[in-house]
């Protein structure tokens, strides 16, 4: 019983740690604003470093507050679905999201924030059930579409808002779908 409780609370602690880390980095960046220059600078060699650092960087308290709740909820769901392989699965979402943003981002911009990861988790959680043909995970996808379906507008350059990275959102979402497909294919190849 105690082992089961510890296993169930671990994702909660993991997400609290990640959110706390993001807030700590935000307060450091408020004191040292130059670190936001470590974001993704599309199609610039020095902008490649942003693929690793941009999800940790946020422009304002409001920016991180907006990302914190969605990251916490989607992160908990992701860790609940992919307990043992979560670390292996998040890596390609993280990297592909950044690479995609670097490739398609607007010239002369710096892309920062965890929203690429958030959209990557959303894409993964919506599509993994379809690729695995899992009724339980398809039901989760329907619930996510009801709760977060409005966020899908963030994949499009509709608002022409220069501070919103629709490119990061789109790259993250596609990274989630690609990763879900690869993970489902990997499972099909495993010996039974």
N, C-alpha and C. Protein backbone atom coordinates (compact mmCIF):
# COMPACT_ATOMS: atom_id res chain seq x y z
N UNK A 1 0.82 -1.20 0.00
CA UNK A 1 0.00 0.00 0.00
C UNK A 1 0.87 1.26 0.00
N UNK A 2 1.86 1.30 0.87
CA UNK A 2 2.73 2.48 0.96
C UNK A 2 3.52 2.66 -0.34
N UNK A 3 3.96 1.55 -0.94
CA UNK A 3 4.71 1.64 -2.20
C UNK A 3 3.82 2.17 -3.32
N UNK A 4 2.56 1.75 -3.35
CA UNK A 4 1.62 2.23 -4.36
C UNK A 4 1.35 3.72 -4.19
N UNK A 5 1.20 4.17 -2.96
CA UNK A 5 0.97 5.59 -2.68
C UNK A 5 2.18 6.41 -3.10
N UNK A 6 3.38 5.92 -2.79
CA UNK A 6 4.61 6.64 -3.18
C UNK A 6 4.72 6.73 -4.69
N UNK A 7 4.37 5.65 -5.39
CA UNK A 7 4.44 5.64 -6.85
C UNK A 7 3.43 6.62 -7.45
N UNK A 8 2.26 6.73 -6.82
CA UNK A 8 1.23 7.64 -7.33
C UNK A 8 1.54 9.10 -7.05
N UNK A 9 2.29 9.38 -5.98
CA UNK A 9 2.58 10.77 -5.64
C UNK A 9 3.86 11.27 -6.33
N UNK A 10 4.68 10.38 -6.82
CA UNK A 10 5.92 10.77 -7.49
C UNK A 10 5.70 11.72 -8.67
N UNK A 11 4.72 11.47 -9.57
CA UNK A 11 4.49 12.43 -10.66
C UNK A 11 4.15 13.83 -10.14
N UNK A 12 3.37 13.89 -9.07
CA UNK A 12 3.00 15.18 -8.47
C UNK A 12 4.26 15.92 -8.01
N UNK A 13 5.13 15.22 -7.30
CA UNK A 13 6.38 15.84 -6.84
C UNK A 13 7.28 16.24 -8.01
N UNK A 14 7.33 15.40 -9.03
CA UNK A 14 8.14 15.71 -10.21
C UNK A 14 7.68 17.01 -10.85
N UNK A 15 6.37 17.14 -11.03
CA UNK A 15 5.85 18.36 -11.67
C UNK A 15 6.03 19.58 -10.77
N UNK A 16 5.86 19.42 -9.47
CA UNK A 16 6.11 20.55 -8.56
C UNK A 16 7.56 21.01 -8.65
N UNK A 17 8.48 20.05 -8.74
CA UNK A 17 9.90 20.39 -8.85
C UNK A 17 10.17 21.15 -10.15
N UNK A 18 9.61 20.68 -11.26
CA UNK A 18 9.83 21.33 -12.56
C UNK A 18 9.27 22.75 -12.55
N UNK A 19 8.06 22.91 -12.03
CA UNK A 19 7.45 24.24 -11.96
C UNK A 19 8.27 25.16 -11.06
N UNK A 20 8.72 24.65 -9.91
CA UNK A 20 9.55 25.45 -9.01
C UNK A 20 10.86 25.87 -9.69
N UNK A 21 11.45 24.96 -10.45
CA UNK A 21 12.68 25.27 -11.19
C UNK A 21 12.43 26.40 -12.20
N UNK A 22 11.32 26.33 -12.92
CA UNK A 22 10.99 27.38 -13.89
C UNK A 22 10.82 28.73 -13.20
N UNK A 23 10.19 28.73 -12.03
CA UNK A 23 10.01 29.98 -11.30
C UNK A 23 11.35 30.50 -10.79
N UNK A 24 12.22 29.62 -10.35
CA UNK A 24 13.55 30.06 -9.89
C UNK A 24 14.32 30.70 -11.05
N UNK A 25 14.26 30.08 -12.23
CA UNK A 25 14.94 30.63 -13.40
C UNK A 25 14.34 31.98 -13.78
N UNK A 26 13.01 32.11 -13.65
CA UNK A 26 12.38 33.39 -13.97
C UNK A 26 12.93 34.49 -13.06
N UNK A 27 13.01 34.23 -11.76
CA UNK A 27 13.49 35.26 -10.84
C UNK A 27 14.97 35.59 -11.08
N UNK A 28 15.73 34.59 -11.48
CA UNK A 28 17.12 34.86 -11.87
C UNK A 28 17.15 35.74 -13.12
N UNK A 29 16.28 35.44 -14.08
CA UNK A 29 16.28 36.22 -15.33
C UNK A 29 15.77 37.64 -15.11
N UNK A 30 14.93 37.85 -14.11
CA UNK A 30 14.49 39.22 -13.80
C UNK A 30 15.65 40.04 -13.26
N UNK A 31 16.56 39.37 -12.53
CA UNK A 31 17.76 40.05 -12.03
C UNK A 31 18.84 40.15 -13.11
N UNK A 32 18.89 39.15 -14.00
CA UNK A 32 19.89 39.12 -15.07
C UNK A 32 19.16 38.94 -16.41
N UNK A 33 18.52 39.99 -16.92
CA UNK A 33 17.69 39.84 -18.13
C UNK A 33 18.44 39.36 -19.37
N UNK A 34 19.75 39.46 -19.37
CA UNK A 34 20.51 39.02 -20.55
C UNK A 34 20.37 37.52 -20.80
N UNK A 35 20.01 36.74 -19.79
CA UNK A 35 19.91 35.29 -20.03
C UNK A 35 18.75 34.93 -20.96
N UNK A 36 17.79 35.85 -21.12
CA UNK A 36 16.71 35.56 -22.08
C UNK A 36 17.24 35.54 -23.51
N UNK A 37 18.45 36.03 -23.72
CA UNK A 37 19.08 35.97 -25.04
C UNK A 37 19.46 34.53 -25.40
N UNK A 38 19.33 33.61 -24.43
CA UNK A 38 19.60 32.20 -24.69
C UNK A 38 18.41 31.48 -25.31
N UNK A 39 17.41 32.24 -25.73
CA UNK A 39 16.26 31.66 -26.40
C UNK A 39 16.60 31.22 -27.81
N UNK A 40 15.61 30.68 -28.48
CA UNK A 40 15.78 30.22 -29.86
C UNK A 40 15.77 31.43 -30.79
N UNK A 41 16.83 31.57 -31.55
CA UNK A 41 16.93 32.61 -32.59
C UNK A 41 16.86 31.87 -33.92
N UNK A 42 15.70 31.95 -34.58
CA UNK A 42 15.49 31.14 -35.79
C UNK A 42 16.58 31.31 -36.84
N UNK A 43 17.03 30.16 -37.32
CA UNK A 43 17.99 30.02 -38.42
C UNK A 43 19.30 30.75 -38.19
N UNK A 44 19.64 30.99 -36.94
CA UNK A 44 20.93 31.58 -36.60
C UNK A 44 21.72 30.53 -35.80
N UNK A 45 22.99 30.35 -36.13
CA UNK A 45 23.80 29.34 -35.46
C UNK A 45 23.80 29.56 -33.95
N UNK A 46 23.96 30.82 -33.51
CA UNK A 46 23.97 31.08 -32.06
C UNK A 46 22.59 30.85 -31.43
N UNK A 47 21.57 30.76 -32.25
CA UNK A 47 20.23 30.50 -31.75
C UNK A 47 19.95 29.04 -31.46
N UNK A 48 20.87 28.16 -31.89
CA UNK A 48 20.68 26.72 -31.62
C UNK A 48 20.74 26.40 -30.14
N UNK A 49 21.50 27.17 -29.37
CA UNK A 49 21.60 26.93 -27.93
C UNK A 49 20.21 27.07 -27.27
N UNK A 50 19.35 27.88 -27.89
CA UNK A 50 18.01 28.07 -27.37
C UNK A 50 17.16 26.81 -27.39
N UNK A 51 17.51 25.86 -28.26
CA UNK A 51 16.77 24.60 -28.28
C UNK A 51 16.82 23.95 -26.89
N UNK A 52 17.95 24.07 -26.23
CA UNK A 52 18.09 23.49 -24.88
C UNK A 52 17.55 24.40 -23.78
N UNK A 53 17.77 25.70 -23.91
CA UNK A 53 17.47 26.60 -22.80
C UNK A 53 16.11 27.30 -22.87
N UNK A 54 15.55 27.47 -24.04
CA UNK A 54 14.34 28.29 -24.16
C UNK A 54 13.16 27.83 -23.31
N UNK A 55 12.91 26.52 -23.12
CA UNK A 55 11.75 26.14 -22.29
C UNK A 55 11.86 26.60 -20.83
N UNK A 56 13.07 26.88 -20.37
CA UNK A 56 13.26 27.32 -18.99
C UNK A 56 13.10 28.83 -18.82
N UNK A 57 13.10 29.56 -19.93
CA UNK A 57 13.11 31.02 -19.89
C UNK A 57 11.71 31.57 -20.18
N UNK A 58 11.30 32.57 -19.40
CA UNK A 58 10.01 33.23 -19.60
C UNK A 58 10.21 34.72 -19.47
N UNK A 59 9.43 35.48 -20.23
CA UNK A 59 9.61 36.92 -20.28
C UNK A 59 9.10 37.64 -19.03
N UNK A 60 7.97 37.18 -18.50
CA UNK A 60 7.35 37.87 -17.37
C UNK A 60 6.71 36.85 -16.42
N UNK A 61 6.30 37.36 -15.28
CA UNK A 61 5.57 36.53 -14.31
C UNK A 61 4.27 36.03 -14.95
N UNK A 62 3.58 36.90 -15.68
CA UNK A 62 2.33 36.51 -16.33
C UNK A 62 2.57 35.40 -17.37
N UNK A 63 3.68 35.50 -18.09
CA UNK A 63 4.03 34.48 -19.09
C UNK A 63 4.19 33.12 -18.43
N UNK A 64 4.97 33.06 -17.36
CA UNK A 64 5.18 31.78 -16.68
C UNK A 64 3.93 31.31 -15.96
N UNK A 65 3.17 32.22 -15.38
CA UNK A 65 1.93 31.82 -14.72
C UNK A 65 0.99 31.15 -15.72
N UNK A 66 0.91 31.71 -16.92
CA UNK A 66 0.05 31.12 -17.96
C UNK A 66 0.53 29.72 -18.34
N UNK A 67 1.83 29.50 -18.38
CA UNK A 67 2.38 28.20 -18.74
C UNK A 67 2.37 27.19 -17.59
N UNK A 68 2.46 27.67 -16.36
CA UNK A 68 2.61 26.77 -15.21
C UNK A 68 1.44 25.82 -15.04
N UNK A 69 0.22 26.33 -15.11
CA UNK A 69 -0.94 25.49 -14.86
C UNK A 69 -1.06 24.40 -15.92
N UNK A 70 -0.98 24.80 -17.20
CA UNK A 70 -1.10 23.83 -18.29
C UNK A 70 0.03 22.80 -18.22
N UNK A 71 1.24 23.25 -17.94
CA UNK A 71 2.37 22.32 -17.84
C UNK A 71 2.17 21.35 -16.69
N UNK A 72 1.67 21.84 -15.58
CA UNK A 72 1.44 20.98 -14.41
C UNK A 72 0.40 19.91 -14.73
N UNK A 73 -0.74 20.32 -15.28
CA UNK A 73 -1.83 19.37 -15.57
C UNK A 73 -1.41 18.37 -16.64
N UNK A 74 -0.90 18.87 -17.77
CA UNK A 74 -0.52 17.96 -18.86
C UNK A 74 0.67 17.09 -18.46
N UNK A 75 1.59 17.66 -17.67
CA UNK A 75 2.72 16.87 -17.19
C UNK A 75 2.27 15.73 -16.28
N UNK A 76 1.32 16.00 -15.39
CA UNK A 76 0.79 14.94 -14.52
C UNK A 76 0.14 13.84 -15.36
N UNK A 77 -0.67 14.24 -16.33
CA UNK A 77 -1.32 13.24 -17.18
C UNK A 77 -0.29 12.43 -17.96
N UNK A 78 0.69 13.11 -18.52
CA UNK A 78 1.75 12.43 -19.27
C UNK A 78 2.50 11.44 -18.38
N UNK A 79 2.88 11.87 -17.18
CA UNK A 79 3.61 10.97 -16.27
C UNK A 79 2.73 9.80 -15.83
N UNK A 80 1.43 10.04 -15.72
CA UNK A 80 0.51 8.96 -15.37
C UNK A 80 0.39 7.93 -16.48
N UNK A 81 0.40 8.40 -17.72
CA UNK A 81 0.26 7.50 -18.88
C UNK A 81 1.57 6.77 -19.16
N UNK A 82 2.69 7.48 -19.04
CA UNK A 82 3.98 6.93 -19.48
C UNK A 82 4.98 6.79 -18.34
N UNK A 83 4.57 6.27 -17.24
CA UNK A 83 5.41 6.19 -16.04
C UNK A 83 6.86 5.78 -16.32
N UNK A 84 7.06 4.59 -16.80
CA UNK A 84 8.41 4.04 -16.92
C UNK A 84 9.23 4.69 -18.03
N UNK A 85 8.58 5.11 -19.10
CA UNK A 85 9.32 5.61 -20.27
C UNK A 85 9.22 7.12 -20.45
N UNK A 86 8.68 7.82 -19.48
CA UNK A 86 8.44 9.26 -19.63
C UNK A 86 9.70 10.03 -20.02
N UNK A 87 10.82 9.74 -19.40
CA UNK A 87 12.06 10.44 -19.71
C UNK A 87 12.52 10.22 -21.14
N UNK A 88 12.36 9.00 -21.63
CA UNK A 88 12.74 8.68 -23.01
C UNK A 88 11.81 9.35 -24.01
N UNK A 89 10.54 9.47 -23.64
CA UNK A 89 9.55 10.01 -24.55
C UNK A 89 9.62 11.54 -24.60
N UNK A 90 9.87 12.18 -23.47
CA UNK A 90 9.89 13.65 -23.44
C UNK A 90 11.10 14.20 -24.21
N UNK A 91 12.18 13.46 -24.27
CA UNK A 91 13.39 13.96 -24.95
C UNK A 91 13.14 14.34 -26.41
N UNK A 92 12.54 13.47 -27.24
CA UNK A 92 12.30 13.90 -28.62
C UNK A 92 11.28 15.02 -28.73
N UNK A 93 10.29 15.05 -27.84
CA UNK A 93 9.33 16.16 -27.86
C UNK A 93 10.08 17.46 -27.61
N UNK A 94 10.94 17.45 -26.61
CA UNK A 94 11.73 18.63 -26.23
C UNK A 94 12.61 19.09 -27.40
N UNK A 95 13.36 18.17 -27.97
CA UNK A 95 14.30 18.52 -29.04
C UNK A 95 13.59 18.89 -30.34
N UNK A 96 12.62 18.11 -30.76
CA UNK A 96 11.92 18.40 -32.01
C UNK A 96 11.14 19.71 -31.94
N UNK A 97 10.58 20.00 -30.79
CA UNK A 97 9.89 21.27 -30.60
C UNK A 97 10.83 22.45 -30.82
N UNK A 98 12.00 22.37 -30.22
CA UNK A 98 12.99 23.43 -30.39
C UNK A 98 13.55 23.52 -31.79
N UNK A 99 13.85 22.38 -32.39
CA UNK A 99 14.38 22.37 -33.76
C UNK A 99 13.34 22.94 -34.73
N UNK A 100 12.09 22.54 -34.55
CA UNK A 100 11.03 23.07 -35.41
C UNK A 100 10.88 24.58 -35.28
N UNK A 101 10.93 25.07 -34.05
CA UNK A 101 10.83 26.51 -33.82
C UNK A 101 12.01 27.23 -34.46
N UNK A 102 13.20 26.66 -34.32
CA UNK A 102 14.40 27.25 -34.92
C UNK A 102 14.25 27.29 -36.46
N UNK A 103 13.64 26.26 -37.02
CA UNK A 103 13.52 26.17 -38.48
C UNK A 103 12.45 27.10 -39.05
N UNK A 104 11.31 27.26 -38.35
CA UNK A 104 10.20 28.02 -38.94
C UNK A 104 9.91 29.34 -38.24
N UNK A 105 10.60 29.64 -37.16
CA UNK A 105 10.34 30.87 -36.42
C UNK A 105 10.58 32.12 -37.25
N UNK A 106 9.91 33.19 -36.85
CA UNK A 106 10.08 34.46 -37.54
C UNK A 106 11.50 34.98 -37.38
N UNK A 107 12.07 35.47 -38.45
CA UNK A 107 13.41 36.04 -38.44
C UNK A 107 13.45 37.25 -37.52
N UNK A 108 14.55 37.40 -36.79
CA UNK A 108 14.73 38.54 -35.91
C UNK A 108 14.02 38.44 -34.58
N UNK A 109 13.54 37.25 -34.24
CA UNK A 109 12.83 37.06 -32.97
C UNK A 109 13.64 36.14 -32.06
N UNK A 110 13.29 36.15 -30.78
CA UNK A 110 13.85 35.22 -29.81
C UNK A 110 12.66 34.51 -29.17
N UNK A 111 12.64 33.20 -29.29
CA UNK A 111 11.52 32.41 -28.77
C UNK A 111 11.91 31.80 -27.43
N UNK A 112 11.12 32.11 -26.41
CA UNK A 112 11.35 31.56 -25.07
C UNK A 112 10.03 31.06 -24.50
N UNK A 113 10.12 30.18 -23.52
CA UNK A 113 8.94 29.70 -22.83
C UNK A 113 8.73 28.20 -23.00
N UNK A 114 7.93 27.65 -22.11
CA UNK A 114 7.66 26.21 -22.08
C UNK A 114 6.48 25.82 -22.94
N UNK A 115 5.90 26.76 -23.68
CA UNK A 115 4.69 26.42 -24.43
C UNK A 115 4.93 25.39 -25.53
N UNK A 116 6.12 25.33 -26.10
CA UNK A 116 6.40 24.28 -27.07
C UNK A 116 6.30 22.90 -26.43
N UNK A 117 6.80 22.77 -25.21
CA UNK A 117 6.70 21.50 -24.48
C UNK A 117 5.24 21.22 -24.13
N UNK A 118 4.52 22.26 -23.71
CA UNK A 118 3.10 22.10 -23.36
C UNK A 118 2.32 21.58 -24.56
N UNK A 119 2.51 22.21 -25.70
CA UNK A 119 1.82 21.76 -26.91
C UNK A 119 2.31 20.37 -27.34
N UNK A 120 3.57 20.08 -27.09
CA UNK A 120 4.09 18.74 -27.38
C UNK A 120 3.41 17.68 -26.54
N UNK A 121 3.23 17.97 -25.25
CA UNK A 121 2.52 17.03 -24.38
C UNK A 121 1.07 16.88 -24.82
N UNK A 122 0.46 18.00 -25.18
CA UNK A 122 -0.93 17.95 -25.64
C UNK A 122 -1.05 17.10 -26.90
N UNK A 123 -0.18 17.33 -27.88
CA UNK A 123 -0.20 16.53 -29.10
C UNK A 123 0.02 15.05 -28.82
N UNK A 124 0.97 14.77 -27.94
CA UNK A 124 1.27 13.38 -27.59
C UNK A 124 0.05 12.72 -26.95
N UNK A 125 -0.52 13.38 -25.95
CA UNK A 125 -1.63 12.78 -25.21
C UNK A 125 -2.89 12.64 -26.07
N UNK A 126 -3.08 13.52 -27.02
CA UNK A 126 -4.25 13.39 -27.91
C UNK A 126 -4.07 12.23 -28.88
N UNK A 127 -2.86 12.04 -29.38
CA UNK A 127 -2.66 11.05 -30.46
C UNK A 127 -2.18 9.68 -30.00
N UNK A 128 -1.60 9.55 -28.81
CA UNK A 128 -1.07 8.25 -28.42
C UNK A 128 -2.17 7.19 -28.33
N UNK A 129 -3.34 7.58 -27.88
CA UNK A 129 -4.45 6.62 -27.80
C UNK A 129 -4.88 6.12 -29.16
N UNK A 130 -4.87 7.02 -30.14
CA UNK A 130 -5.23 6.63 -31.52
C UNK A 130 -4.20 5.66 -32.07
N UNK A 131 -2.91 6.00 -31.89
CA UNK A 131 -1.85 5.14 -32.43
C UNK A 131 -1.76 3.80 -31.71
N UNK A 132 -2.08 3.78 -30.41
CA UNK A 132 -2.05 2.52 -29.66
C UNK A 132 -3.38 1.77 -29.75
N UNK A 133 -4.39 2.43 -30.29
CA UNK A 133 -5.74 1.86 -30.35
C UNK A 133 -6.24 1.51 -28.95
N UNK A 134 -6.02 2.45 -28.03
CA UNK A 134 -6.41 2.27 -26.63
C UNK A 134 -7.67 3.08 -26.33
N UNK A 135 -8.75 2.40 -25.99
CA UNK A 135 -10.00 3.07 -25.67
C UNK A 135 -9.83 4.05 -24.51
N UNK A 136 -9.10 3.64 -23.49
CA UNK A 136 -8.87 4.48 -22.31
C UNK A 136 -8.13 5.76 -22.70
N UNK A 137 -7.12 5.65 -23.53
CA UNK A 137 -6.35 6.83 -23.93
C UNK A 137 -7.09 7.69 -24.96
N UNK A 138 -7.94 7.08 -25.77
CA UNK A 138 -8.78 7.87 -26.68
C UNK A 138 -9.79 8.68 -25.87
N UNK A 139 -10.33 8.09 -24.81
CA UNK A 139 -11.23 8.82 -23.92
C UNK A 139 -10.50 10.01 -23.27
N UNK A 140 -9.27 9.78 -22.85
CA UNK A 140 -8.45 10.87 -22.31
C UNK A 140 -8.28 11.97 -23.36
N UNK A 141 -8.04 11.59 -24.61
CA UNK A 141 -7.88 12.56 -25.69
C UNK A 141 -9.14 13.40 -25.88
N UNK A 142 -10.30 12.76 -25.81
CA UNK A 142 -11.57 13.48 -25.94
C UNK A 142 -11.73 14.48 -24.79
N UNK A 143 -11.41 14.06 -23.59
CA UNK A 143 -11.48 14.96 -22.43
C UNK A 143 -10.52 16.14 -22.62
N UNK A 144 -9.30 15.86 -23.09
CA UNK A 144 -8.34 16.93 -23.34
C UNK A 144 -8.83 17.89 -24.42
N UNK A 145 -9.45 17.37 -25.46
CA UNK A 145 -9.97 18.23 -26.51
C UNK A 145 -11.10 19.13 -25.98
N UNK A 146 -11.92 18.59 -25.09
CA UNK A 146 -12.97 19.40 -24.48
C UNK A 146 -12.37 20.50 -23.61
N UNK A 147 -11.38 20.12 -22.80
CA UNK A 147 -10.77 21.08 -21.85
C UNK A 147 -9.78 22.04 -22.51
N UNK A 148 -8.99 21.54 -23.45
CA UNK A 148 -7.90 22.32 -24.04
C UNK A 148 -8.06 22.57 -25.54
N UNK A 149 -9.20 22.20 -26.10
CA UNK A 149 -9.39 22.35 -27.54
C UNK A 149 -9.20 23.78 -28.03
N UNK A 150 -9.58 24.73 -27.22
CA UNK A 150 -9.40 26.14 -27.59
C UNK A 150 -7.94 26.51 -27.78
N UNK A 151 -7.05 25.79 -27.09
CA UNK A 151 -5.62 26.07 -27.23
C UNK A 151 -5.11 25.76 -28.63
N UNK A 152 -5.84 24.94 -29.37
CA UNK A 152 -5.40 24.58 -30.72
C UNK A 152 -5.39 25.79 -31.65
N UNK A 153 -6.13 26.84 -31.32
CA UNK A 153 -6.05 28.07 -32.11
C UNK A 153 -4.65 28.66 -32.03
N UNK A 154 -3.93 28.35 -30.95
CA UNK A 154 -2.57 28.86 -30.79
C UNK A 154 -1.57 28.25 -31.76
N UNK A 155 -2.02 27.26 -32.54
CA UNK A 155 -1.15 26.65 -33.55
C UNK A 155 -1.10 27.48 -34.84
N UNK A 156 -1.99 28.44 -34.94
CA UNK A 156 -2.13 29.21 -36.18
C UNK A 156 -1.70 30.66 -35.98
N UNK A 157 -1.17 31.28 -37.02
CA UNK A 157 -0.74 32.68 -36.92
C UNK A 157 -1.90 33.66 -37.10
N UNK A 158 -3.01 33.40 -36.40
CA UNK A 158 -4.22 34.20 -36.62
C UNK A 158 -4.16 35.59 -36.00
N UNK A 159 -3.58 35.70 -34.83
CA UNK A 159 -3.63 36.96 -34.10
C UNK A 159 -2.52 37.92 -34.49
N UNK A 160 -1.52 37.42 -35.18
CA UNK A 160 -0.37 38.25 -35.55
C UNK A 160 0.21 38.96 -34.33
N UNK A 161 0.23 38.27 -33.22
CA UNK A 161 0.77 38.82 -31.98
C UNK A 161 2.27 38.54 -31.94
N UNK A 162 3.09 39.59 -31.94
CA UNK A 162 4.53 39.37 -32.02
C UNK A 162 5.14 38.71 -30.78
N UNK A 163 4.42 38.68 -29.66
CA UNK A 163 4.99 38.06 -28.46
C UNK A 163 4.49 36.63 -28.25
N UNK A 164 3.63 36.14 -29.12
CA UNK A 164 3.15 34.76 -29.02
C UNK A 164 3.81 33.94 -30.12
N UNK A 165 4.48 32.87 -29.73
CA UNK A 165 5.20 32.03 -30.69
C UNK A 165 4.30 30.91 -31.19
N UNK A 166 3.46 31.23 -32.18
CA UNK A 166 2.65 30.18 -32.77
C UNK A 166 3.56 29.12 -33.40
N UNK A 167 4.75 29.54 -33.83
CA UNK A 167 5.70 28.60 -34.42
C UNK A 167 6.15 27.57 -33.38
N UNK A 168 6.38 28.03 -32.14
CA UNK A 168 6.74 27.13 -31.06
C UNK A 168 5.60 26.20 -30.70
N UNK A 169 4.38 26.74 -30.71
CA UNK A 169 3.20 25.92 -30.42
C UNK A 169 3.03 24.83 -31.47
N UNK A 170 3.11 25.23 -32.74
CA UNK A 170 2.94 24.28 -33.83
C UNK A 170 4.06 23.23 -33.82
N UNK A 171 5.29 23.69 -33.63
CA UNK A 171 6.43 22.75 -33.60
C UNK A 171 6.28 21.76 -32.45
N UNK A 172 5.86 22.25 -31.30
CA UNK A 172 5.67 21.36 -30.15
C UNK A 172 4.57 20.34 -30.41
N UNK A 173 3.44 20.81 -30.93
CA UNK A 173 2.31 19.91 -31.20
C UNK A 173 2.71 18.82 -32.19
N UNK A 174 3.37 19.22 -33.27
CA UNK A 174 3.82 18.24 -34.26
C UNK A 174 4.86 17.29 -33.66
N UNK A 175 5.73 17.82 -32.81
CA UNK A 175 6.72 16.96 -32.13
C UNK A 175 6.02 15.92 -31.27
N UNK A 176 4.94 16.32 -30.60
CA UNK A 176 4.17 15.37 -29.80
C UNK A 176 3.54 14.28 -30.63
N UNK A 177 2.99 14.66 -31.77
CA UNK A 177 2.36 13.68 -32.67
C UNK A 177 3.42 12.72 -33.23
N UNK A 178 4.53 13.25 -33.69
CA UNK A 178 5.61 12.42 -34.25
C UNK A 178 6.13 11.45 -33.19
N UNK A 179 6.30 11.95 -31.98
CA UNK A 179 6.80 11.11 -30.89
C UNK A 179 5.79 10.03 -30.52
N UNK A 180 4.51 10.38 -30.49
CA UNK A 180 3.47 9.39 -30.19
C UNK A 180 3.47 8.29 -31.24
N UNK A 181 3.61 8.67 -32.50
CA UNK A 181 3.64 7.67 -33.58
C UNK A 181 4.86 6.75 -33.43
N UNK A 182 6.00 7.35 -33.16
CA UNK A 182 7.23 6.55 -33.01
C UNK A 182 7.11 5.62 -31.81
N UNK A 183 6.56 6.10 -30.72
CA UNK A 183 6.41 5.27 -29.51
C UNK A 183 5.46 4.12 -29.77
N UNK A 184 4.35 4.37 -30.43
CA UNK A 184 3.40 3.30 -30.75
C UNK A 184 4.04 2.27 -31.68
N UNK A 185 4.81 2.73 -32.66
CA UNK A 185 5.49 1.80 -33.57
C UNK A 185 6.53 0.97 -32.82
N UNK A 186 7.23 1.58 -31.88
CA UNK A 186 8.22 0.86 -31.07
C UNK A 186 7.54 -0.25 -30.27
N UNK A 187 6.39 0.04 -29.71
CA UNK A 187 5.65 -0.96 -28.94
C UNK A 187 5.20 -2.13 -29.80
N UNK A 188 4.83 -1.84 -31.05
CA UNK A 188 4.38 -2.90 -31.96
C UNK A 188 5.51 -3.87 -32.28
N UNK A 189 6.75 -3.36 -32.29
CA UNK A 189 7.89 -4.20 -32.64
C UNK A 189 8.41 -5.03 -31.47
N UNK A 190 7.98 -4.70 -30.25
CA UNK A 190 8.46 -5.45 -29.09
C UNK A 190 7.92 -6.87 -29.12
N UNK A 191 8.76 -7.85 -28.78
CA UNK A 191 8.27 -9.23 -28.72
C UNK A 191 7.27 -9.38 -27.58
N UNK A 192 6.25 -10.15 -27.83
CA UNK A 192 5.20 -10.36 -26.81
C UNK A 192 5.51 -11.54 -25.95
